[in-house]
Amino acid sequence: LVHDPGTESAVRGAGHEEGLDGTNAEVLFWAADY
C-alpha cells in the first residue's frame, strides 16, 4: 500500500479479468489489503 512520490494510482488488477488462476494471486492479496 506504500507508493513512491510521483506514482499516480494505487489501483491494480487491470488485465486480470479472466479470474484467479494462480498467476495473479498477488493482485488478489493487494485487493484484500487495499
ModelCIF file with pLDDT and N, C-alpha, C, O atoms, coordinates in Angstrom:
data_MODEL
#
_entry.id   MODEL 
#
_entity.id                         1 
_entity.type                       polymer 
_entity.pdbx_number_of_molecules   1 
#
_entity_poly.entity_id                      1 
_entity_poly.type                           'polypeptide(L)' 
_entity_poly.nstd_linkage                   no 
_entity_poly.nstd_monomer                   no 
_entity_poly.pdbx_seq_one_letter_code       LVHDPGTESAVRGAGHEEGLDGTNAEVLFWAADY 
_entity_poly.pdbx_seq_one_letter_code_can   LVHDPGTESAVRGAGHEEGLDGTNAEVLFWAADY 
_entity_poly.pdbx_strand_id                 A 
#
loop_
_entity_poly_seq.entity_id 
_entity_poly_seq.num 
_entity_poly_seq.mon_id 
_entity_poly_seq.hetero 
1 1  LEU n 
1 2  VAL n 
1 3  HIS n 
1 4  ASP n 
1 5  PRO n 
1 6  GLY n 
1 7  THR n 
1 8  GLU n 
1 9  SER n 
1 10 ALA n 
1 11 VAL n 
1 12 ARG n 
1 13 GLY n 
1 14 ALA n 
1 15 GLY n 
1 16 HIS n 
1 17 GLU n 
1 18 GLU n 
1 19 GLY n 
1 20 LEU n 
1 21 ASP n 
1 22 GLY n 
1 23 THR n 
1 24 ASN n 
1 25 ALA n 
1 26 GLU n 
1 27 VAL n 
1 28 LEU n 
1 29 PHE n 
1 30 TRP n 
1 31 ALA n 
1 32 ALA n 
1 33 ASP n 
1 34 TYR n 
#
_struct_asym.id          A 
_struct_asym.entity_id   1 
#
loop_
_ma_qa_metric.id 
_ma_qa_metric.mode 
_ma_qa_metric.name 
_ma_qa_metric.software_group_id 
_ma_qa_metric.type 
1 global pLDDT . pLDDT 
2 local  pLDDT . pLDDT 
#
_ma_qa_metric_global.metric_id      1 
_ma_qa_metric_global.metric_value   70.94 
_ma_qa_metric_global.model_id       1 
_ma_qa_metric_global.ordinal_id     1 
#
loop_
_ma_qa_metric_local.label_asym_id 
_ma_qa_metric_local.label_comp_id 
_ma_qa_metric_local.label_seq_id 
_ma_qa_metric_local.metric_id 
_ma_qa_metric_local.metric_value 
_ma_qa_metric_local.model_id 
_ma_qa_metric_local.ordinal_id 
A LEU 1  2 92.00 1 1  
A VAL 2  2 92.00 1 2  
A HIS 3  2 91.00 1 3  
A ASP 4  2 89.00 1 4  
A PRO 5  2 89.00 1 5  
A GLY 6  2 77.00 1 6  
A THR 7  2 78.00 1 7  
A GLU 8  2 72.00 1 8  
A SER 9  2 69.00 1 9  
A ALA 10 2 63.00 1 10 
A VAL 11 2 60.00 1 11 
A ARG 12 2 53.00 1 12 
A GLY 13 2 46.00 1 13 
A ALA 14 2 42.00 1 14 
A GLY 15 2 40.00 1 15 
A HIS 16 2 43.00 1 16 
A GLU 17 2 43.00 1 17 
A GLU 18 2 45.00 1 18 
A GLY 19 2 46.00 1 19 
A LEU 20 2 48.00 1 20 
A ASP 21 2 46.00 1 21 
A GLY 22 2 42.00 1 22 
A THR 23 2 47.00 1 23 
A ASN 24 2 76.00 1 24 
A ALA 25 2 86.00 1 25 
A GLU 26 2 88.00 1 26 
A VAL 27 2 90.00 1 27 
A LEU 28 2 91.00 1 28 
A PHE 29 2 93.00 1 29 
A TRP 30 2 94.00 1 30 
A ALA 31 2 94.00 1 31 
A ALA 32 2 95.00 1 32 
A ASP 33 2 96.00 1 33 
A TYR 34 2 96.00 1 34 
#
loop_
_atom_site.group_PDB 
_atom_site.id 
_atom_site.type_symbol 
_atom_site.label_atom_id 
_atom_site.label_alt_id 
_atom_site.label_comp_id 
_atom_site.label_asym_id 
_atom_site.label_entity_id 
_atom_site.label_seq_id 
_atom_site.pdbx_PDB_ins_code 
_atom_site.Cartn_x 
_atom_site.Cartn_y 
_atom_site.Cartn_z 
_atom_site.occupancy 
_atom_site.B_iso_or_equiv 
_atom_site.pdbx_formal_charge 
_atom_site.auth_seq_id 
_atom_site.auth_comp_id 
_atom_site.auth_asym_id 
_atom_site.auth_atom_id 
_atom_site.pdbx_PDB_model_num 
ATOM 1   N N  . LEU A 1 1  ? 0.799   -1.219  0.000   1.00 92.00 ? 1  LEU A N  1 
ATOM 2   C CA . LEU A 1 1  ? 0.000   0.000   0.000   1.00 92.00 ? 1  LEU A CA 1 
ATOM 3   C C  . LEU A 1 1  ? 0.834   1.274   0.000   1.00 92.00 ? 1  LEU A C  1 
ATOM 4   O O  . LEU A 1 1  ? 0.275   2.367   -0.085  1.00 92.00 ? 1  LEU A O  1 
ATOM 5   N N  . VAL A 1 2  ? 2.145   1.163   0.092   1.00 92.00 ? 2  VAL A N  1 
ATOM 6   C CA . VAL A 1 2  ? 3.023   2.337   0.145   1.00 92.00 ? 2  VAL A CA 1 
ATOM 7   C C  . VAL A 1 2  ? 3.621   2.577   -1.236  1.00 92.00 ? 2  VAL A C  1 
ATOM 8   O O  . VAL A 1 2  ? 4.149   1.663   -1.870  1.00 92.00 ? 2  VAL A O  1 
ATOM 9   N N  . HIS A 1 3  ? 3.526   3.823   -1.686  1.00 91.00 ? 3  HIS A N  1 
ATOM 10  C CA . HIS A 1 3  ? 3.948   4.176   -3.037  1.00 91.00 ? 3  HIS A CA 1 
ATOM 11  C C  . HIS A 1 3  ? 4.953   5.322   -3.012  1.00 91.00 ? 3  HIS A C  1 
ATOM 12  O O  . HIS A 1 3  ? 4.919   6.184   -2.134  1.00 91.00 ? 3  HIS A O  1 
ATOM 13  N N  . ASP A 1 4  ? 5.837   5.311   -3.986  1.00 89.00 ? 4  ASP A N  1 
ATOM 14  C CA . ASP A 1 4  ? 6.858   6.350   -4.098  1.00 89.00 ? 4  ASP A CA 1 
ATOM 15  C C  . ASP A 1 4  ? 6.258   7.646   -4.630  1.00 89.00 ? 4  ASP A C  1 
ATOM 16  O O  . ASP A 1 4  ? 5.196   7.625   -5.252  1.00 89.00 ? 4  ASP A O  1 
ATOM 17  N N  . PRO A 1 5  ? 6.919   8.761   -4.396  1.00 89.00 ? 5  PRO A N  1 
ATOM 18  C CA . PRO A 1 5  ? 6.449   10.035  -4.959  1.00 89.00 ? 5  PRO A CA 1 
ATOM 19  C C  . PRO A 1 5  ? 6.314   9.937   -6.478  1.00 89.00 ? 5  PRO A C  1 
ATOM 20  O O  . PRO A 1 5  ? 7.144   9.316   -7.142  1.00 89.00 ? 5  PRO A O  1 
ATOM 21  N N  . GLY A 1 6  ? 5.283   10.543  -7.013  1.00 77.00 ? 6  GLY A N  1 
ATOM 22  C CA . GLY A 1 6  ? 5.073   10.545  -8.460  1.00 77.00 ? 6  GLY A CA 1 
ATOM 23  C C  . GLY A 1 6  ? 4.206   9.420   -8.963  1.00 77.00 ? 6  GLY A C  1 
ATOM 24  O O  . GLY A 1 6  ? 3.729   9.474   -10.097 1.00 77.00 ? 6  GLY A O  1 
ATOM 25  N N  . THR A 1 7  ? 3.987   8.404   -8.158  1.00 78.00 ? 7  THR A N  1 
ATOM 26  C CA . THR A 1 7  ? 3.075   7.330   -8.556  1.00 78.00 ? 7  THR A CA 1 
ATOM 27  C C  . THR A 1 7  ? 1.657   7.876   -8.537  1.00 78.00 ? 7  THR A C  1 
ATOM 28  O O  . THR A 1 7  ? 1.228   8.446   -7.534  1.00 78.00 ? 7  THR A O  1 
ATOM 29  N N  . GLU A 1 8  ? 0.926   7.711   -9.627  1.00 72.00 ? 8  GLU A N  1 
ATOM 30  C CA . GLU A 1 8  ? -0.368  8.367   -9.743  1.00 72.00 ? 8  GLU A CA 1 
ATOM 31  C C  . GLU A 1 8  ? -1.515  7.558   -9.148  1.00 72.00 ? 8  GLU A C  1 
ATOM 32  O O  . GLU A 1 8  ? -2.441  8.125   -8.568  1.00 72.00 ? 8  GLU A O  1 
ATOM 33  N N  . SER A 1 9  ? -1.456  6.243   -9.287  1.00 69.00 ? 9  SER A N  1 
ATOM 34  C CA . SER A 1 9  ? -2.615  5.447   -8.887  1.00 69.00 ? 9  SER A CA 1 
ATOM 35  C C  . SER A 1 9  ? -2.183  4.225   -8.103  1.00 69.00 ? 9  SER A C  1 
ATOM 36  O O  . SER A 1 9  ? -1.133  3.636   -8.358  1.00 69.00 ? 9  SER A O  1 
ATOM 37  N N  . ALA A 1 10 ? -3.020  3.857   -7.140  1.00 63.00 ? 10 ALA A N  1 
ATOM 38  C CA . ALA A 1 10 ? -2.758  2.648   -6.360  1.00 63.00 ? 10 ALA A CA 1 
ATOM 39  C C  . ALA A 1 10 ? -3.458  1.437   -6.950  1.00 63.00 ? 10 ALA A C  1 
ATOM 40  O O  . ALA A 1 10 ? -3.175  0.309   -6.546  1.00 63.00 ? 10 ALA A O  1 
ATOM 41  N N  . VAL A 1 11 ? -4.374  1.645   -7.905  1.00 60.00 ? 11 VAL A N  1 
ATOM 42  C CA . VAL A 1 11 ? -5.248  0.572   -8.368  1.00 60.00 ? 11 VAL A CA 1 
ATOM 43  C C  . VAL A 1 11 ? -4.478  -0.415  -9.228  1.00 60.00 ? 11 VAL A C  1 
ATOM 44  O O  . VAL A 1 11 ? -3.751  -0.032  -10.144 1.00 60.00 ? 11 VAL A O  1 
ATOM 45  N N  . ARG A 1 12 ? -4.649  -1.677  -8.920  1.00 53.00 ? 12 ARG A N  1 
ATOM 46  C CA . ARG A 1 12 ? -4.051  -2.759  -9.688  1.00 53.00 ? 12 ARG A CA 1 
ATOM 47  C C  . ARG A 1 12 ? -5.159  -3.701  -10.139 1.00 53.00 ? 12 ARG A C  1 
ATOM 48  O O  . ARG A 1 12 ? -6.319  -3.541  -9.758  1.00 53.00 ? 12 ARG A O  1 
ATOM 49  N N  . GLY A 1 13 ? -4.795  -4.671  -10.944 1.00 46.00 ? 13 GLY A N  1 
ATOM 50  C CA . GLY A 1 13 ? -5.769  -5.690  -11.332 1.00 46.00 ? 13 GLY A CA 1 
ATOM 51  C C  . GLY A 1 13 ? -6.209  -5.611  -12.772 1.00 46.00 ? 13 GLY A C  1 
ATOM 52  O O  . GLY A 1 13 ? -6.883  -6.526  -13.245 1.00 46.00 ? 13 GLY A O  1 
ATOM 53  N N  . ALA A 1 14 ? -5.856  -4.541  -13.509 1.00 42.00 ? 14 ALA A N  1 
ATOM 54  C CA . ALA A 1 14 ? -6.245  -4.462  -14.903 1.00 42.00 ? 14 ALA A CA 1 
ATOM 55  C C  . ALA A 1 14 ? -5.627  -5.621  -15.679 1.00 42.00 ? 14 ALA A C  1 
ATOM 56  O O  . ALA A 1 14 ? -4.456  -5.951  -15.489 1.00 42.00 ? 14 ALA A O  1 
ATOM 57  N N  . GLY A 1 15 ? -6.414  -6.231  -16.547 1.00 40.00 ? 15 GLY A N  1 
ATOM 58  C CA . GLY A 1 15 ? -5.911  -7.346  -17.336 1.00 40.00 ? 15 GLY A CA 1 
ATOM 59  C C  . GLY A 1 15 ? -6.054  -8.684  -16.653 1.00 40.00 ? 15 GLY A C  1 
ATOM 60  O O  . GLY A 1 15 ? -5.618  -9.700  -17.194 1.00 40.00 ? 15 GLY A O  1 
ATOM 61  N N  . HIS A 1 16 ? -6.663  -8.709  -15.459 1.00 43.00 ? 16 HIS A N  1 
ATOM 62  C CA . HIS A 1 16 ? -6.812  -9.975  -14.742 1.00 43.00 ? 16 HIS A CA 1 
ATOM 63  C C  . HIS A 1 16 ? -8.276  -10.391 -14.662 1.00 43.00 ? 16 HIS A C  1 
ATOM 64  O O  . HIS A 1 16 ? -8.673  -11.125 -13.756 1.00 43.00 ? 16 HIS A O  1 
ATOM 65  N N  . GLU A 1 17 ? -9.079  -9.917  -15.617 1.00 43.00 ? 17 GLU A N  1 
ATOM 66  C CA . GLU A 1 17 ? -10.498 -10.226 -15.585 1.00 43.00 ? 17 GLU A CA 1 
ATOM 67  C C  . GLU A 1 17 ? -10.793 -11.704 -15.825 1.00 43.00 ? 17 GLU A C  1 
ATOM 68  O O  . GLU A 1 17 ? -11.912 -12.168 -15.609 1.00 43.00 ? 17 GLU A O  1 
ATOM 69  N N  . GLU A 1 18 ? -9.751  -12.451 -16.286 1.00 45.00 ? 18 GLU A N  1 
ATOM 70  C CA . GLU A 1 18 ? -10.001 -13.854 -16.578 1.00 45.00 ? 18 GLU A CA 1 
ATOM 71  C C  . GLU A 1 18 ? -10.229 -14.682 -15.327 1.00 45.00 ? 18 GLU A C  1 
ATOM 72  O O  . GLU A 1 18 ? -10.699 -15.815 -15.429 1.00 45.00 ? 18 GLU A O  1 
ATOM 73  N N  . GLY A 1 19 ? -9.918  -14.167 -14.169 1.00 46.00 ? 19 GLY A N  1 
ATOM 74  C CA . GLY A 1 19 ? -10.155 -14.902 -12.936 1.00 46.00 ? 19 GLY A CA 1 
ATOM 75  C C  . GLY A 1 19 ? -8.865  -15.380 -12.312 1.00 46.00 ? 19 GLY A C  1 
ATOM 76  O O  . GLY A 1 19 ? -7.809  -15.366 -12.944 1.00 46.00 ? 19 GLY A O  1 
ATOM 77  N N  . LEU A 1 20 ? -8.959  -15.800 -11.079 1.00 48.00 ? 20 LEU A N  1 
ATOM 78  C CA . LEU A 1 20 ? -7.774  -16.210 -10.338 1.00 48.00 ? 20 LEU A CA 1 
ATOM 79  C C  . LEU A 1 20 ? -7.318  -17.586 -10.810 1.00 48.00 ? 20 LEU A C  1 
ATOM 80  O O  . LEU A 1 20 ? -8.048  -18.568 -10.675 1.00 48.00 ? 20 LEU A O  1 
ATOM 81  N N  . ASP A 1 21 ? -6.120  -17.652 -11.359 1.00 46.00 ? 21 ASP A N  1 
ATOM 82  C CA . ASP A 1 21 ? -5.617  -18.928 -11.877 1.00 46.00 ? 21 ASP A CA 1 
ATOM 83  C C  . ASP A 1 21 ? -4.284  -19.313 -11.250 1.00 46.00 ? 21 ASP A C  1 
ATOM 84  O O  . ASP A 1 21 ? -3.636  -20.254 -11.710 1.00 46.00 ? 21 ASP A O  1 
ATOM 85  N N  . GLY A 1 22 ? -3.863  -18.596 -10.201 1.00 42.00 ? 22 GLY A N  1 
ATOM 86  C CA . GLY A 1 22 ? -2.610  -18.907 -9.552  1.00 42.00 ? 22 GLY A CA 1 
ATOM 87  C C  . GLY A 1 22 ? -1.488  -17.980 -9.965  1.00 42.00 ? 22 GLY A C  1 
ATOM 88  O O  . GLY A 1 22 ? -0.514  -17.822 -9.228  1.00 42.00 ? 22 GLY A O  1 
ATOM 89  N N  . THR A 1 23 ? -1.609  -17.350 -11.159 1.00 47.00 ? 23 THR A N  1 
ATOM 90  C CA . THR A 1 23 ? -0.555  -16.459 -11.620 1.00 47.00 ? 23 THR A CA 1 
ATOM 91  C C  . THR A 1 23 ? -0.770  -15.031 -11.150 1.00 47.00 ? 23 THR A C  1 
ATOM 92  O O  . THR A 1 23 ? 0.160   -14.224 -11.177 1.00 47.00 ? 23 THR A O  1 
ATOM 93  N N  . ASN A 1 24 ? -1.962  -14.712 -10.725 1.00 76.00 ? 24 ASN A N  1 
ATOM 94  C CA . ASN A 1 24 ? -2.253  -13.337 -10.312 1.00 76.00 ? 24 ASN A CA 1 
ATOM 95  C C  . ASN A 1 24 ? -2.688  -13.278 -8.850  1.00 76.00 ? 24 ASN A C  1 
ATOM 96  O O  . ASN A 1 24 ? -3.478  -12.417 -8.462  1.00 76.00 ? 24 ASN A O  1 
ATOM 97  N N  . ALA A 1 25 ? -2.167  -14.200 -8.046  1.00 86.00 ? 25 ALA A N  1 
ATOM 98  C CA . ALA A 1 25 ? -2.523  -14.219 -6.628  1.00 86.00 ? 25 ALA A CA 1 
ATOM 99  C C  . ALA A 1 25 ? -2.115  -12.928 -5.937  1.00 86.00 ? 25 ALA A C  1 
ATOM 100 O O  . ALA A 1 25 ? -2.798  -12.474 -5.019  1.00 86.00 ? 25 ALA A O  1 
ATOM 101 N N  . GLU A 1 26 ? -0.994  -12.324 -6.374  1.00 88.00 ? 26 GLU A N  1 
ATOM 102 C CA . GLU A 1 26 ? -0.551  -11.082 -5.736  1.00 88.00 ? 26 GLU A CA 1 
ATOM 103 C C  . GLU A 1 26 ? -1.556  -9.959  -5.936  1.00 88.00 ? 26 GLU A C  1 
ATOM 104 O O  . GLU A 1 26 ? -1.694  -9.083  -5.083  1.00 88.00 ? 26 GLU A O  1 
ATOM 105 N N  . VAL A 1 27 ? -2.260  -9.986  -7.066  1.00 90.00 ? 27 VAL A N  1 
ATOM 106 C CA . VAL A 1 27 ? -3.301  -8.982  -7.282  1.00 90.00 ? 27 VAL A CA 1 
ATOM 107 C C  . VAL A 1 27 ? -4.422  -9.183  -6.264  1.00 90.00 ? 27 VAL A C  1 
ATOM 108 O O  . VAL A 1 27 ? -4.946  -8.217  -5.711  1.00 90.00 ? 27 VAL A O  1 
ATOM 109 N N  . LEU A 1 28 ? -4.783  -10.428 -6.024  1.00 91.00 ? 28 LEU A N  1 
ATOM 110 C CA . LEU A 1 28 ? -5.798  -10.730 -5.013  1.00 91.00 ? 28 LEU A CA 1 
ATOM 111 C C  . LEU A 1 28 ? -5.348  -10.260 -3.638  1.00 91.00 ? 28 LEU A C  1 
ATOM 112 O O  . LEU A 1 28 ? -6.136  -9.683  -2.890  1.00 91.00 ? 28 LEU A O  1 
ATOM 113 N N  . PHE A 1 29 ? -4.092  -10.503 -3.303  1.00 93.00 ? 29 PHE A N  1 
ATOM 114 C CA . PHE A 1 29 ? -3.586  -10.094 -1.996  1.00 93.00 ? 29 PHE A CA 1 
ATOM 115 C C  . PHE A 1 29 ? -3.604  -8.575  -1.863  1.00 93.00 ? 29 PHE A C  1 
ATOM 116 O O  . PHE A 1 29 ? -3.982  -8.033  -0.825  1.00 93.00 ? 29 PHE A O  1 
ATOM 117 N N  . TRP A 1 30 ? -3.181  -7.886  -2.953  1.00 94.00 ? 30 TRP A N  1 
ATOM 118 C CA . TRP A 1 30 ? -3.248  -6.424  -2.923  1.00 94.00 ? 30 TRP A CA 1 
ATOM 119 C C  . TRP A 1 30 ? -4.692  -5.948  -2.732  1.00 94.00 ? 30 TRP A C  1 
ATOM 120 O O  . TRP A 1 30 ? -4.946  -5.054  -1.925  1.00 94.00 ? 30 TRP A O  1 
ATOM 121 N N  . ALA A 1 31 ? -5.634  -6.537  -3.466  1.00 94.00 ? 31 ALA A N  1 
ATOM 122 C CA . ALA A 1 31 ? -7.034  -6.108  -3.387  1.00 94.00 ? 31 ALA A CA 1 
ATOM 123 C C  . ALA A 1 31 ? -7.603  -6.317  -1.990  1.00 94.00 ? 31 ALA A C  1 
ATOM 124 O O  . ALA A 1 31 ? -8.358  -5.480  -1.496  1.00 94.00 ? 31 ALA A O  1 
ATOM 125 N N  . ALA A 1 32 ? -7.242  -7.436  -1.347  1.00 95.00 ? 32 ALA A N  1 
ATOM 126 C CA . ALA A 1 32 ? -7.716  -7.703  0.010   1.00 95.00 ? 32 ALA A CA 1 
ATOM 127 C C  . ALA A 1 32 ? -7.116  -6.713  0.990   1.00 95.00 ? 32 ALA A C  1 
ATOM 128 O O  . ALA A 1 32 ? -7.766  -6.337  1.965   1.00 95.00 ? 32 ALA A O  1 
ATOM 129 N N  . ASP A 1 33 ? -5.886  -6.286  0.746   1.00 96.00 ? 33 ASP A N  1 
ATOM 130 C CA . ASP A 1 33 ? -5.204  -5.335  1.619   1.00 96.00 ? 33 ASP A CA 1 
ATOM 131 C C  . ASP A 1 33 ? -5.724  -3.913  1.401   1.00 96.00 ? 33 ASP A C  1 
ATOM 132 O O  . ASP A 1 33 ? -5.935  -3.166  2.357   1.00 96.00 ? 33 ASP A O  1 
ATOM 133 N N  . TYR A 1 34 ? -5.922  -3.556  0.161   1.00 96.00 ? 34 TYR A N  1 
ATOM 134 C CA . TYR A 1 34 ? -6.351  -2.208  -0.200  1.00 96.00 ? 34 TYR A CA 1 
ATOM 135 C C  . TYR A 1 34 ? -7.835  -1.981  0.118   1.00 96.00 ? 34 TYR A C  1 
ATOM 136 O O  . TYR A 1 34 ? -8.359  -0.894  -0.125  1.00 96.00 ? 34 TYR A O  1 
#
